Amino acid sequence: MLKSSAKLSPRGNSLAVTIPKDILEAAGLRQGDELSLLARDDGVIEIHHAAPGEAELEAGFEWSLGRYPETYKALAK
């Protein structure tokens, strides 16, 4: 396990973090890789390789959730 620290820096209307090279190599990450980000309730941010098509799948789910909310409510019972 590797550990490092970084600072947030402004980038347009967002903030960016630079990931050190040794951390990138240990995680098998390269420029252009799709990442999945999760902000947990305890303040921890998880970063994972995104599964192929994950962004499209999530977008489709969000669309269907907005389009068919009553169906999802019925399924949740």
C-alpha atoms as a PDB file:
ATOM      1  CA  MET A   1       0.000   0.000   0.000  1.00  0.00           C
ATOM      2  CA  LEU A   2       1.262   3.472  -0.890  1.00  0.00           C
ATOM      3  CA  LYS A   3       0.243   6.657   0.864  1.00  0.00           C
ATOM      4  CA  SER A   4       0.650  10.254  -0.285  1.00  0.00           C
ATOM      5  CA  SER A   5      -0.912  13.673   0.152  1.00  0.00           C
ATOM      6  CA  ALA A   6      -2.021  16.315  -2.330  1.00  0.00           C
ATOM      7  CA  LYS A   7      -3.607  19.755  -2.417  1.00  0.00           C
ATOM      8  CA  LEU A   8      -6.684  20.867  -4.300  1.00  0.00           C
ATOM      9  CA  SER A   9      -5.958  23.485  -6.971  1.00  0.00           C
ATOM     10  CA  PRO A  10      -8.380  25.600  -8.986  1.00  0.00           C
ATOM     11  CA  ARG A  11      -9.136  24.417 -12.507  1.00  0.00           C
ATOM     12  CA  GLY A  12     -11.866  26.346 -14.285  1.00  0.00           C
ATOM     13  CA  ASN A  13     -15.007  26.225 -12.133  1.00  0.00           C
ATOM     14  CA  SER A  14     -13.790  23.103 -10.321  1.00  0.00           C
ATOM     15  CA  LEU A  15     -10.940  21.955  -8.121  1.00  0.00           C
ATOM     16  CA  ALA A  16      -8.337  19.432  -9.258  1.00  0.00           C
ATOM     17  CA  VAL A  17      -5.994  17.099  -7.441  1.00  0.00           C
ATOM     18  CA  THR A  18      -2.708  15.879  -8.884  1.00  0.00           C
ATOM     19  CA  ILE A  19      -2.050  12.197  -8.229  1.00  0.00           C
ATOM     20  CA  PRO A  20       1.636  11.351  -7.791  1.00  0.00           C
ATOM     21  CA  LYS A  21       3.202   9.061 -10.388  1.00  0.00           C
ATOM     22  CA  ASP A  22       3.969   6.225  -7.942  1.00  0.00           C
ATOM     23  CA  ILE A  23       0.331   6.140  -6.813  1.00  0.00           C
ATOM     24  CA  LEU A  24      -0.880   6.116 -10.435  1.00  0.00           C
ATOM     25  CA  GLU A  25       1.475   3.272 -11.301  1.00  0.00           C
ATOM     26  CA  ALA A  26       0.485   1.248  -8.228  1.00  0.00           C
ATOM     27  CA  ALA A  27      -3.199   1.638  -9.152  1.00  0.00           C
ATOM     28  CA  GLY A  28      -2.590   0.912 -12.829  1.00  0.00           C
ATOM     29  CA  LEU A  29      -4.020   4.277 -13.896  1.00  0.00           C
ATOM     30  CA  ARG A  30      -3.062   6.120 -17.078  1.00  0.00           C
ATOM     31  CA  GLN A  31      -4.009   9.404 -18.687  1.00  0.00           C
ATOM     32  CA  GLY A  32      -7.463   9.185 -20.237  1.00  0.00           C
ATOM     33  CA  ASP A  33      -8.729   6.388 -17.965  1.00  0.00           C
ATOM     34  CA  GLU A  34     -12.366   6.683 -16.889  1.00  0.00           C
ATOM     35  CA  LEU A  35     -12.749   6.897 -13.104  1.00  0.00           C
ATOM     36  CA  SER A  36     -15.677   6.349 -10.783  1.00  0.00           C
ATOM     37  CA  LEU A  37     -15.851   8.735  -7.798  1.00  0.00           C
ATOM     38  CA  LEU A  38     -17.850   8.130  -4.631  1.00  0.00           C
ATOM     39  CA  ALA A  39     -18.200  10.604  -1.748  1.00  0.00           C
ATOM     40  CA  ARG A  40     -19.071   8.619   1.372  1.00  0.00           C
ATOM     41  CA  ASP A  41     -21.029  10.021   4.317  1.00  0.00           C
ATOM     42  CA  ASP A  42     -17.910   9.793   6.505  1.00  0.00           C
ATOM     43  CA  GLY A  43     -16.023  12.267   4.283  1.00  0.00           C
ATOM     44  CA  VAL A  44     -13.953   9.648   2.450  1.00  0.00           C
ATOM     45  CA  ILE A  45     -13.687   9.921  -1.336  1.00  0.00           C
ATOM     46  CA  GLU A  46     -13.243   6.627  -3.172  1.00  0.00           C
ATOM     47  CA  ILE A  47     -11.707   6.578  -6.641  1.00  0.00           C
ATOM     48  CA  HIS A  48     -11.951   3.436  -8.774  1.00  0.00           C
ATOM     49  CA  HIS A  49     -11.432   2.447 -12.378  1.00  0.00           C
ATOM     50  CA  ALA A  50     -14.813   2.847 -14.024  1.00  0.00           C
ATOM     51  CA  ALA A  51     -16.148  -0.312 -15.566  1.00  0.00           C
ATOM     52  CA  PRO A  52     -16.496  -0.071 -19.355  1.00  0.00           C
ATOM     53  CA  GLY A  53     -19.810   1.613 -20.090  1.00  0.00           C
ATOM     54  CA  GLU A  54     -20.418   2.483 -16.413  1.00  0.00           C
ATOM     55  CA  ALA A  55     -21.083   6.171 -17.114  1.00  0.00           C
ATOM     56  CA  GLU A  56     -23.596   5.323 -19.824  1.00  0.00           C
ATOM     57  CA  LEU A  57     -25.282   2.752 -17.576  1.00  0.00           C
ATOM     58  CA  GLU A  58     -25.585   5.260 -14.728  1.00  0.00           C
ATOM     59  CA  ALA A  59     -26.964   7.914 -17.087  1.00  0.00           C
ATOM     60  CA  GLY A  60     -29.542   5.438 -18.401  1.00  0.00           C
ATOM     61  CA  PHE A  61     -30.582   4.497 -14.883  1.00  0.00           C
ATOM     62  CA  GLU A  62     -30.957   8.149 -13.866  1.00  0.00           C
ATOM     63  CA  TRP A  63     -33.060   8.788 -16.969  1.00  0.00           C
ATOM     64  CA  SER A  64     -35.321   5.796 -16.266  1.00  0.00           C
ATOM     65  CA  LEU A  65     -35.628   6.763 -12.600  1.00  0.00           C
ATOM     66  CA  GLY A  66     -36.887  10.205 -13.635  1.00  0.00           C
ATOM     67  CA  ARG A  67     -39.148   8.759 -16.326  1.00  0.00           C
ATOM     68  CA  TYR A  68     -40.693   5.942 -14.251  1.00  0.00           C
ATOM     69  CA  PRO A  69     -40.564   6.958 -10.561  1.00  0.00           C
ATOM     70  CA  GLU A  70     -43.784   5.141  -9.662  1.00  0.00           C
ATOM     71  CA  THR A  71     -42.468   1.884 -11.107  1.00  0.00           C
ATOM     72  CA  TYR A  72     -39.317   2.129  -8.990  1.00  0.00           C
ATOM     73  CA  LYS A  73     -41.412   2.915  -5.882  1.00  0.00           C
ATOM     74  CA  ALA A  74     -43.540  -0.181  -6.539  1.00  0.00           C
ATOM     75  CA  LEU A  75     -40.425  -2.332  -7.052  1.00  0.00           C
ATOM     76  CA  ALA A  76     -38.939  -1.089  -3.792  1.00  0.00           C
ATOM     77  CA  LYS A  77     -41.857  -2.458  -1.732  1.00  0.00           C
END
